[in-house]
Amino acid sequence: MGDDQPAGDELDAVGRALEALFRLNASRKVHALRAAAAGVPISAPGFVLLRRVQEDGPLPLGELARRTDMDPAAAGRQIRQLERDGLVDRVQGPGDGRVTTVSVTAAGAEARRRINGVLGRHMEEVLDAWSPADRADLARLLARLARDLRSVHYRTLADEPVASEVAGR
């Protein structure tokens, strides 16, 4: 293990911290508090889809599901709800009626602006006591971690004995 590799205890601490962050980010209760503070009734998956469409422009539904790592059927259900709420429009493709393109409405852009405002204000309060250097380090390291998590694939433990095999020896 190189000098820049965390030791086992450090890896455990990183894993526990990430687990806590992921739980917090995935919490329906936390998302509901954010959405309520913004005055926008939207589900967490709905917000992810809305953000992706607004950032990437109108997208076919299948591509939107792929870019958000969502099951296509689940993405379709969320998009139908967003459409009912007036936050997105769905248009059938001109050449192929099976292809549906999703775009953000003015109400959807406003909903995202409001939620981003709540998130931004919250992060300002959370990081208020942090130095500018610590904030910059956090941003740089989180971006690096996210990039590395996507690029390094899980390896199987096929060559290692299962705990029950070790106990039976």
N, C-alpha and C. Protein backbone atom coordinates (compact mmCIF):
# COMPACT_ATOMS: atom_id res chain seq x y z
N MET A 1 0.85 -1.17 0.00
CA MET A 1 0.00 0.00 0.00
C MET A 1 0.89 1.23 0.00
N GLY A 2 0.63 2.19 -0.94
CA GLY A 2 1.45 3.39 -1.05
C GLY A 2 1.14 4.37 0.06
N ASP A 3 1.98 5.40 0.17
CA ASP A 3 1.80 6.42 1.20
C ASP A 3 0.49 7.17 1.05
N ASP A 4 -0.01 7.27 -0.19
CA ASP A 4 -1.24 8.03 -0.40
C ASP A 4 -2.50 7.16 -0.29
N GLN A 5 -2.34 5.89 0.07
CA GLN A 5 -3.48 4.98 0.26
C GLN A 5 -3.89 4.97 1.72
N PRO A 6 -5.19 5.14 2.00
CA PRO A 6 -5.63 5.10 3.40
C PRO A 6 -5.44 3.71 4.00
N ALA A 7 -5.12 3.68 5.29
CA ALA A 7 -5.03 2.42 6.01
C ALA A 7 -6.43 1.87 6.23
N GLY A 8 -6.54 0.62 6.72
CA GLY A 8 -7.83 -0.03 6.92
C GLY A 8 -8.78 0.78 7.77
N ASP A 9 -8.30 1.36 8.89
CA ASP A 9 -9.17 2.16 9.75
C ASP A 9 -9.65 3.41 9.02
N GLU A 10 -8.77 4.02 8.22
CA GLU A 10 -9.17 5.21 7.47
C GLU A 10 -10.20 4.86 6.40
N LEU A 11 -10.01 3.69 5.76
CA LEU A 11 -11.00 3.25 4.76
C LEU A 11 -12.35 3.01 5.41
N ASP A 12 -12.35 2.41 6.60
CA ASP A 12 -13.61 2.20 7.32
C ASP A 12 -14.26 3.54 7.66
N ALA A 13 -13.46 4.51 8.11
CA ALA A 13 -14.00 5.83 8.46
C ALA A 13 -14.58 6.53 7.22
N VAL A 14 -13.88 6.43 6.09
CA VAL A 14 -14.39 7.00 4.85
C VAL A 14 -15.69 6.31 4.46
N GLY A 15 -15.72 5.00 4.56
CA GLY A 15 -16.93 4.24 4.22
C GLY A 15 -18.11 4.63 5.10
N ARG A 16 -17.87 4.77 6.40
CA ARG A 16 -18.95 5.16 7.31
C ARG A 16 -19.45 6.58 7.01
N ALA A 17 -18.52 7.50 6.73
CA ALA A 17 -18.92 8.88 6.41
C ALA A 17 -19.71 8.92 5.11
N LEU A 18 -19.27 8.16 4.12
CA LEU A 18 -20.01 8.10 2.85
C LEU A 18 -21.39 7.49 3.05
N GLU A 19 -21.45 6.45 3.84
CA GLU A 19 -22.75 5.82 4.13
C GLU A 19 -23.71 6.83 4.76
N ALA A 20 -23.21 7.62 5.71
CA ALA A 20 -24.05 8.63 6.36
C ALA A 20 -24.50 9.69 5.34
N LEU A 21 -23.58 10.14 4.49
CA LEU A 21 -23.95 11.12 3.46
C LEU A 21 -24.96 10.56 2.47
N PHE A 22 -24.74 9.33 2.02
CA PHE A 22 -25.66 8.71 1.06
C PHE A 22 -27.04 8.52 1.68
N ARG A 23 -27.09 8.09 2.94
CA ARG A 23 -28.38 7.94 3.63
C ARG A 23 -29.09 9.28 3.73
N LEU A 24 -28.34 10.31 4.10
CA LEU A 24 -28.91 11.65 4.22
C LEU A 24 -29.44 12.12 2.87
N ASN A 25 -28.66 11.93 1.83
CA ASN A 25 -29.05 12.37 0.50
C ASN A 25 -30.26 11.58 -0.03
N ALA A 26 -30.35 10.30 0.32
CA ALA A 26 -31.43 9.45 -0.17
C ALA A 26 -32.68 9.51 0.71
N SER A 27 -32.59 10.20 1.82
CA SER A 27 -33.70 10.23 2.77
C SER A 27 -34.92 10.94 2.18
N ARG A 28 -36.05 10.25 2.17
CA ARG A 28 -37.29 10.87 1.70
C ARG A 28 -37.69 12.02 2.64
N LYS A 29 -37.45 11.81 3.92
CA LYS A 29 -37.80 12.85 4.91
C LYS A 29 -36.99 14.12 4.65
N VAL A 30 -35.68 13.98 4.43
CA VAL A 30 -34.83 15.15 4.18
C VAL A 30 -35.27 15.83 2.88
N HIS A 31 -35.52 15.04 1.83
CA HIS A 31 -35.97 15.64 0.57
C HIS A 31 -37.30 16.37 0.77
N ALA A 32 -38.21 15.76 1.52
CA ALA A 32 -39.51 16.39 1.75
C ALA A 32 -39.34 17.74 2.47
N LEU A 33 -38.40 17.81 3.41
CA LEU A 33 -38.13 19.07 4.10
C LEU A 33 -37.60 20.13 3.13
N ARG A 34 -36.69 19.71 2.23
CA ARG A 34 -36.14 20.64 1.22
C ARG A 34 -37.26 21.15 0.31
N ALA A 35 -38.03 20.20 -0.22
CA ALA A 35 -39.09 20.56 -1.15
C ALA A 35 -40.12 21.46 -0.47
N ALA A 36 -40.46 21.16 0.78
CA ALA A 36 -41.43 21.99 1.51
C ALA A 36 -40.87 23.39 1.74
N ALA A 37 -39.59 23.49 2.08
CA ALA A 37 -38.97 24.80 2.30
C ALA A 37 -38.99 25.62 1.01
N ALA A 38 -38.91 24.95 -0.12
CA ALA A 38 -38.94 25.63 -1.42
C ALA A 38 -40.37 25.85 -1.91
N GLY A 39 -41.34 25.19 -1.26
CA GLY A 39 -42.72 25.30 -1.70
C GLY A 39 -42.97 24.57 -3.00
N VAL A 40 -42.22 23.48 -3.22
CA VAL A 40 -42.32 22.71 -4.47
C VAL A 40 -42.61 21.26 -4.13
N PRO A 41 -43.81 20.78 -4.44
CA PRO A 41 -44.11 19.36 -4.18
C PRO A 41 -43.53 18.49 -5.30
N ILE A 42 -42.35 17.92 -5.06
CA ILE A 42 -41.68 17.09 -6.06
C ILE A 42 -40.93 15.99 -5.34
N SER A 43 -40.95 14.79 -5.90
CA SER A 43 -40.22 13.67 -5.31
C SER A 43 -38.72 13.83 -5.58
N ALA A 44 -37.92 13.13 -4.81
CA ALA A 44 -36.47 13.17 -5.02
C ALA A 44 -36.11 12.67 -6.41
N PRO A 45 -36.65 11.51 -6.87
CA PRO A 45 -36.32 11.09 -8.24
C PRO A 45 -36.84 12.08 -9.28
N GLY A 46 -37.98 12.69 -9.01
CA GLY A 46 -38.51 13.69 -9.93
C GLY A 46 -37.58 14.88 -10.05
N PHE A 47 -36.99 15.30 -8.93
CA PHE A 47 -36.07 16.42 -8.97
C PHE A 47 -34.81 16.06 -9.75
N VAL A 48 -34.32 14.84 -9.58
CA VAL A 48 -33.13 14.40 -10.33
C VAL A 48 -33.41 14.47 -11.84
N LEU A 49 -34.58 13.99 -12.24
CA LEU A 49 -34.95 14.02 -13.66
C LEU A 49 -35.11 15.44 -14.16
N LEU A 50 -35.78 16.27 -13.38
CA LEU A 50 -35.99 17.66 -13.77
C LEU A 50 -34.65 18.37 -13.95
N ARG A 51 -33.74 18.18 -13.01
CA ARG A 51 -32.43 18.81 -13.10
C ARG A 51 -31.68 18.35 -14.35
N ARG A 52 -31.71 17.03 -14.63
CA ARG A 52 -30.98 16.51 -15.78
C ARG A 52 -31.54 17.07 -17.09
N VAL A 53 -32.86 17.14 -17.20
CA VAL A 53 -33.46 17.67 -18.43
C VAL A 53 -33.11 19.14 -18.59
N GLN A 54 -33.16 19.89 -17.50
CA GLN A 54 -32.84 21.31 -17.60
C GLN A 54 -31.37 21.52 -17.95
N GLU A 55 -30.49 20.72 -17.40
CA GLU A 55 -29.06 20.90 -17.66
C GLU A 55 -28.66 20.40 -19.04
N ASP A 56 -29.26 19.31 -19.50
CA ASP A 56 -28.84 18.70 -20.76
C ASP A 56 -29.74 19.05 -21.93
N GLY A 57 -30.81 19.77 -21.69
CA GLY A 57 -31.73 20.12 -22.77
C GLY A 57 -32.74 19.01 -22.99
N PRO A 58 -33.69 19.22 -23.90
CA PRO A 58 -34.69 18.18 -24.16
C PRO A 58 -34.01 16.85 -24.49
N LEU A 59 -34.54 15.79 -23.86
CA LEU A 59 -33.95 14.46 -24.03
C LEU A 59 -35.03 13.43 -24.28
N PRO A 60 -34.72 12.41 -25.09
CA PRO A 60 -35.63 11.27 -25.19
C PRO A 60 -35.72 10.59 -23.82
N LEU A 61 -36.87 10.06 -23.50
CA LEU A 61 -37.10 9.45 -22.19
C LEU A 61 -36.08 8.37 -21.87
N GLY A 62 -35.76 7.51 -22.82
CA GLY A 62 -34.79 6.44 -22.58
C GLY A 62 -33.41 6.98 -22.25
N GLU A 63 -32.99 8.02 -22.95
CA GLU A 63 -31.69 8.64 -22.69
C GLU A 63 -31.69 9.31 -21.32
N LEU A 64 -32.80 9.92 -20.96
CA LEU A 64 -32.94 10.55 -19.65
C LEU A 64 -32.80 9.50 -18.55
N ALA A 65 -33.44 8.36 -18.71
CA ALA A 65 -33.33 7.28 -17.73
C ALA A 65 -31.88 6.82 -17.63
N ARG A 66 -31.21 6.67 -18.76
CA ARG A 66 -29.81 6.23 -18.76
C ARG A 66 -28.91 7.24 -18.06
N ARG A 67 -29.09 8.52 -18.35
CA ARG A 67 -28.23 9.55 -17.77
C ARG A 67 -28.45 9.73 -16.27
N THR A 68 -29.60 9.32 -15.77
CA THR A 68 -29.88 9.43 -14.34
C THR A 68 -29.75 8.09 -13.62
N ASP A 69 -29.30 7.06 -14.36
CA ASP A 69 -29.15 5.71 -13.79
C ASP A 69 -30.45 5.21 -13.17
N MET A 70 -31.57 5.52 -13.83
CA MET A 70 -32.88 5.08 -13.35
C MET A 70 -33.44 4.00 -14.26
N ASP A 71 -34.25 3.14 -13.69
CA ASP A 71 -34.99 2.16 -14.46
C ASP A 71 -35.91 2.93 -15.42
N PRO A 72 -35.96 2.56 -16.71
CA PRO A 72 -36.81 3.30 -17.65
C PRO A 72 -38.28 3.38 -17.24
N ALA A 73 -38.83 2.31 -16.68
CA ALA A 73 -40.23 2.34 -16.26
C ALA A 73 -40.43 3.32 -15.11
N ALA A 74 -39.50 3.32 -14.16
CA ALA A 74 -39.60 4.25 -13.02
C ALA A 74 -39.44 5.69 -13.50
N ALA A 75 -38.50 5.91 -14.42
CA ALA A 75 -38.32 7.26 -14.97
C ALA A 75 -39.59 7.70 -15.68
N GLY A 76 -40.22 6.80 -16.42
CA GLY A 76 -41.45 7.13 -17.12
C GLY A 76 -42.56 7.53 -16.15
N ARG A 77 -42.68 6.81 -15.04
CA ARG A 77 -43.70 7.16 -14.04
C ARG A 77 -43.43 8.54 -13.44
N GLN A 78 -42.17 8.80 -13.13
CA GLN A 78 -41.81 10.09 -12.55
C GLN A 78 -42.07 11.23 -13.55
N ILE A 79 -41.73 11.00 -14.81
CA ILE A 79 -41.95 12.03 -15.83
C ILE A 79 -43.43 12.29 -16.02
N ARG A 80 -44.26 11.25 -15.98
CA ARG A 80 -45.71 11.46 -16.08
C ARG A 80 -46.21 12.33 -14.93
N GLN A 81 -45.68 12.12 -13.72
CA GLN A 81 -46.08 12.95 -12.58
C GLN A 81 -45.60 14.39 -12.77
N LEU A 82 -44.36 14.55 -13.23
CA LEU A 82 -43.84 15.90 -13.48
C LEU A 82 -44.68 16.61 -14.54
N GLU A 83 -45.12 15.86 -15.53
CA GLU A 83 -45.98 16.44 -16.56
C GLU A 83 -47.33 16.85 -15.97
N ARG A 84 -47.93 16.00 -15.15
CA ARG A 84 -49.20 16.34 -14.49
C ARG A 84 -49.05 17.60 -13.64
N ASP A 85 -47.87 17.76 -13.03
CA ASP A 85 -47.61 18.93 -12.18
C ASP A 85 -47.22 20.16 -12.99
N GLY A 86 -47.11 20.01 -14.31
CA GLY A 86 -46.79 21.14 -15.18
C GLY A 86 -45.32 21.52 -15.20
N LEU A 87 -44.45 20.61 -14.75
CA LEU A 87 -43.02 20.92 -14.66
C LEU A 87 -42.24 20.51 -15.91
N VAL A 88 -42.77 19.55 -16.67
CA VAL A 88 -42.14 19.14 -17.93
C VAL A 88 -43.22 18.95 -18.98
N ASP A 89 -42.78 18.97 -20.23
CA ASP A 89 -43.63 18.62 -21.37
C ASP A 89 -43.03 17.38 -22.02
N ARG A 90 -43.93 16.51 -22.51
CA ARG A 90 -43.49 15.34 -23.28
C ARG A 90 -44.04 15.49 -24.69
N VAL A 91 -43.17 15.26 -25.68
CA VAL A 91 -43.56 15.36 -27.07
C VAL A 91 -43.14 14.09 -27.79
N GLN A 92 -44.06 13.52 -28.56
CA GLN A 92 -43.73 12.34 -29.36
C GLN A 92 -42.79 12.75 -30.48
N GLY A 93 -41.81 11.90 -30.74
CA GLY A 93 -40.86 12.17 -31.80
C GLY A 93 -41.54 12.22 -33.16
N PRO A 94 -41.10 13.10 -34.07
CA PRO A 94 -41.75 13.23 -35.36
C PRO A 94 -41.63 11.98 -36.24
N GLY A 95 -40.49 11.34 -36.21
CA GLY A 95 -40.28 10.18 -37.07
C GLY A 95 -40.72 8.88 -36.45
N ASP A 96 -40.66 8.81 -35.13
CA ASP A 96 -40.96 7.57 -34.42
C ASP A 96 -41.81 7.91 -33.20
N GLY A 97 -43.08 7.60 -33.26
CA GLY A 97 -44.00 7.93 -32.19
C GLY A 97 -43.69 7.23 -30.88
N ARG A 98 -42.83 6.22 -30.93
CA ARG A 98 -42.45 5.52 -29.70
C ARG A 98 -41.44 6.31 -28.88
N VAL A 99 -40.76 7.28 -29.52
CA VAL A 99 -39.74 8.08 -28.84
C VAL A 99 -40.40 9.34 -28.28
N THR A 100 -40.29 9.50 -26.97
CA THR A 100 -40.85 10.66 -26.27
C THR A 100 -39.71 11.54 -25.81
N THR A 101 -39.76 12.82 -26.18
CA THR A 101 -38.75 13.78 -25.75
C THR A 101 -39.32 14.61 -24.62
N VAL A 102 -38.51 14.82 -23.59
CA VAL A 102 -38.93 15.54 -22.39
C VAL A 102 -38.20 16.88 -22.34
N SER A 103 -38.95 17.95 -22.07
CA SER A 103 -38.36 19.27 -21.89
C SER A 103 -38.95 19.93 -20.65
N VAL A 104 -38.23 20.89 -20.10
CA VAL A 104 -38.65 21.60 -18.89
C VAL A 104 -39.55 22.77 -19.27
N THR A 105 -40.62 22.95 -18.52
CA THR A 105 -41.50 24.09 -18.70
C THR A 105 -40.98 25.27 -17.87
N ALA A 106 -41.58 26.43 -18.04
CA ALA A 106 -41.21 27.59 -17.22
C ALA A 106 -41.47 27.30 -15.74
N ALA A 107 -42.57 26.60 -15.45
CA ALA A 107 -42.86 26.24 -14.05
C ALA A 107 -41.81 25.27 -13.52
N GLY A 108 -41.32 24.37 -14.36
CA GLY A 108 -40.26 23.44 -13.94
C GLY A 108 -38.96 24.17 -13.66
N ALA A 109 -38.62 25.14 -14.50
CA ALA A 109 -37.40 25.93 -14.28
C ALA A 109 -37.51 26.72 -12.97
N GLU A 110 -38.69 27.25 -12.70
CA GLU A 110 -38.90 27.99 -11.45
C GLU A 110 -38.82 27.06 -10.24
N ALA A 111 -39.39 25.87 -10.36
CA ALA A 111 -39.32 24.89 -9.26
C ALA A 111 -37.86 24.55 -8.96
N ARG A 112 -37.09 24.32 -9.99
CA ARG A 112 -35.67 23.99 -9.78
C ARG A 112 -34.93 25.18 -9.17
N ARG A 113 -35.22 26.39 -9.62
CA ARG A 113 -34.58 27.58 -9.07
C ARG A 113 -34.88 27.71 -7.58
N ARG A 114 -36.12 27.43 -7.20
CA ARG A 114 -36.51 27.54 -5.79
C ARG A 114 -35.81 26.48 -4.94
N ILE A 115 -35.77 25.24 -5.41
CA ILE A 115 -35.11 24.18 -4.65
C ILE A 115 -33.60 24.46 -4.57
N ASN A 116 -33.01 24.89 -5.67
CA ASN A 116 -31.58 25.23 -5.65
C ASN A 116 -31.31 26.36 -4.66
N GLY A 117 -32.23 27.31 -4.56
CA GLY A 117 -32.08 28.39 -3.60
C GLY A 117 -32.06 27.88 -2.17
N VAL A 118 -32.97 26.96 -1.86
CA VAL A 118 -33.02 26.36 -0.53
C VAL A 118 -31.73 25.57 -0.27
N LEU A 119 -31.30 24.78 -1.25
CA LEU A 119 -30.07 23.99 -1.08
C LEU A 119 -28.85 24.89 -0.91
N GLY A 120 -28.77 25.93 -1.72
CA GLY A 120 -27.64 26.85 -1.63
C GLY A 120 -27.56 27.55 -0.28
N ARG A 121 -28.70 28.03 0.19
CA ARG A 121 -28.74 28.71 1.49
C ARG A 121 -28.36 27.73 2.61
N HIS A 122 -28.85 26.50 2.49
CA HIS A 122 -28.53 25.48 3.51
C HIS A 122 -27.03 25.20 3.53
N MET A 123 -26.42 25.03 2.35
CA MET A 123 -24.98 24.75 2.31
C MET A 123 -24.18 25.94 2.82
N GLU A 124 -24.64 27.16 2.55
CA GLU A 124 -23.95 28.34 3.10
C GLU A 124 -23.95 28.29 4.62
N GLU A 125 -25.08 27.91 5.20
CA GLU A 125 -25.17 27.84 6.66
C GLU A 125 -24.32 26.69 7.21
N VAL A 126 -24.35 25.55 6.53
CA VAL A 126 -23.58 24.39 6.98
C VAL A 126 -22.08 24.68 6.94
N LEU A 127 -21.63 25.35 5.87
CA LEU A 127 -20.20 25.58 5.68
C LEU A 127 -19.75 26.96 6.13
N ASP A 128 -20.59 27.67 6.84
CA ASP A 128 -20.30 29.04 7.26
C ASP A 128 -18.98 29.15 8.03
N ALA A 129 -18.70 28.19 8.91
CA ALA A 129 -17.48 28.26 9.74
C ALA A 129 -16.26 27.66 9.04
N TRP A 130 -16.44 27.13 7.84
CA TRP A 130 -15.32 26.54 7.11
C TRP A 130 -14.52 27.64 6.41
N SER A 131 -13.22 27.47 6.36
CA SER A 131 -12.38 28.44 5.65
C SER A 131 -12.59 28.28 4.14
N PRO A 132 -12.29 29.32 3.37
CA PRO A 132 -12.37 29.18 1.91
C PRO A 132 -11.50 28.03 1.39
N ALA A 133 -10.35 27.83 2.01
CA ALA A 133 -9.46 26.74 1.58
C ALA A 133 -10.11 25.39 1.85
N ASP A 134 -10.75 25.22 3.03
CA ASP A 134 -11.43 23.96 3.34
C ASP A 134 -12.58 23.71 2.37
N ARG A 135 -13.34 24.76 2.03
CA ARG A 135 -14.44 24.62 1.07
C ARG A 135 -13.91 24.19 -0.30
N ALA A 136 -12.82 24.81 -0.73
CA ALA A 136 -12.23 24.46 -2.02
C ALA A 136 -11.71 23.03 -2.00
N ASP A 137 -11.06 22.63 -0.90
CA ASP A 137 -10.57 21.26 -0.78
C ASP A 137 -11.73 20.26 -0.83
N LEU A 138 -12.82 20.56 -0.11
CA LEU A 138 -13.97 19.68 -0.11
C LEU A 138 -14.53 19.52 -1.52
N ALA A 139 -14.71 20.62 -2.22
CA ALA A 139 -15.25 20.56 -3.58
C ALA A 139 -14.34 19.74 -4.49
N ARG A 140 -13.05 19.98 -4.40
CA ARG A 140 -12.08 19.26 -5.25
C ARG A 140 -12.07 17.77 -4.93
N LEU A 141 -12.04 17.43 -3.63
CA LEU A 141 -11.96 16.02 -3.24
C LEU A 141 -13.26 15.27 -3.52
N LEU A 142 -14.41 15.92 -3.31
CA LEU A 142 -15.68 15.25 -3.63
C LEU A 142 -15.81 14.99 -5.11
N ALA A 143 -15.40 15.96 -5.94
CA ALA A 143 -15.44 15.75 -7.39
C ALA A 143 -14.52 14.61 -7.79
N ARG A 144 -13.35 14.56 -7.19
CA ARG A 144 -12.40 13.47 -7.47
C ARG A 144 -12.98 12.12 -7.04
N LEU A 145 -13.58 12.08 -5.85
CA LEU A 145 -14.16 10.84 -5.35
C LEU A 145 -15.28 10.37 -6.28
N ALA A 146 -16.15 11.27 -6.67
CA ALA A 146 -17.26 10.90 -7.57
C ALA A 146 -16.73 10.36 -8.89
N ARG A 147 -15.72 11.01 -9.44
CA ARG A 147 -15.11 10.55 -10.69
C ARG A 147 -14.50 9.16 -10.52
N ASP A 148 -13.78 8.96 -9.43
CA ASP A 148 -13.14 7.67 -9.19
C ASP A 148 -14.15 6.57 -8.90
N LEU A 149 -15.24 6.89 -8.18
CA LEU A 149 -16.27 5.89 -7.91
C LEU A 149 -16.90 5.39 -9.21
N ARG A 150 -17.03 6.28 -10.19
CA ARG A 150 -17.60 5.88 -11.48
C ARG A 150 -16.60 5.08 -12.32
N SER A 151 -15.32 5.37 -12.19
CA SER A 151 -14.34 4.75 -13.09
C SER A 151 -13.75 3.44 -12.56
N VAL A 152 -13.77 3.23 -11.26
CA VAL A 152 -13.21 2.00 -10.69
C VAL A 152 -14.35 1.02 -10.46
N HIS A 153 -14.25 -0.13 -11.10
CA HIS A 153 -15.33 -1.11 -11.04
C HIS A 153 -15.13 -2.08 -9.88
N TYR A 154 -16.24 -2.63 -9.40
CA TYR A 154 -16.18 -3.62 -8.34
C TYR A 154 -15.54 -4.90 -8.86
N ARG A 155 -14.72 -5.49 -8.03
CA ARG A 155 -14.12 -6.78 -8.37
C ARG A 155 -14.73 -7.84 -7.47
N THR A 156 -14.89 -9.02 -8.02
CA THR A 156 -15.46 -10.11 -7.23
C THR A 156 -14.41 -10.66 -6.28
N LEU A 157 -14.89 -11.33 -5.27
CA LEU A 157 -14.01 -11.96 -4.29
C LEU A 157 -13.97 -13.47 -4.54
N ALA A 158 -14.10 -13.87 -5.80
CA ALA A 158 -14.19 -15.28 -6.16
C ALA A 158 -13.00 -16.10 -5.65
N ASP A 159 -11.84 -15.48 -5.59
CA ASP A 159 -10.65 -16.21 -5.16
C ASP A 159 -10.51 -16.27 -3.64
N GLU A 160 -11.32 -15.51 -2.91
CA GLU A 160 -11.23 -15.52 -1.45
C GLU A 160 -12.29 -16.45 -0.88
N PRO A 161 -11.95 -17.20 0.18
CA PRO A 161 -12.94 -18.11 0.77
C PRO A 161 -14.06 -17.33 1.46
N VAL A 162 -15.24 -17.88 1.41
CA VAL A 162 -16.41 -17.32 2.09
C VAL A 162 -16.25 -17.59 3.58
N ALA A 163 -16.80 -16.72 4.43
CA ALA A 163 -16.63 -16.83 5.88
C ALA A 163 -17.01 -18.21 6.40
N SER A 164 -18.08 -18.81 5.82
CA SER A 164 -18.51 -20.13 6.29
C SER A 164 -17.47 -21.20 5.95
N GLU A 165 -16.75 -21.02 4.85
CA GLU A 165 -15.69 -21.97 4.49
C GLU A 165 -14.52 -21.86 5.45
N VAL A 166 -14.20 -20.62 5.84
CA VAL A 166 -13.09 -20.39 6.76
C VAL A 166 -13.43 -20.99 8.13
N ALA A 167 -14.68 -20.80 8.58
CA ALA A 167 -15.11 -21.31 9.89
C ALA A 167 -15.10 -22.83 9.92
N GLY A 168 -15.40 -23.47 8.77
CA GLY A 168 -15.47 -24.93 8.71
C GLY A 168 -14.12 -25.62 8.67
N ARG A 169 -13.07 -24.87 8.53
CA ARG A 169 -11.73 -25.48 8.44
C ARG A 169 -11.22 -25.88 9.77
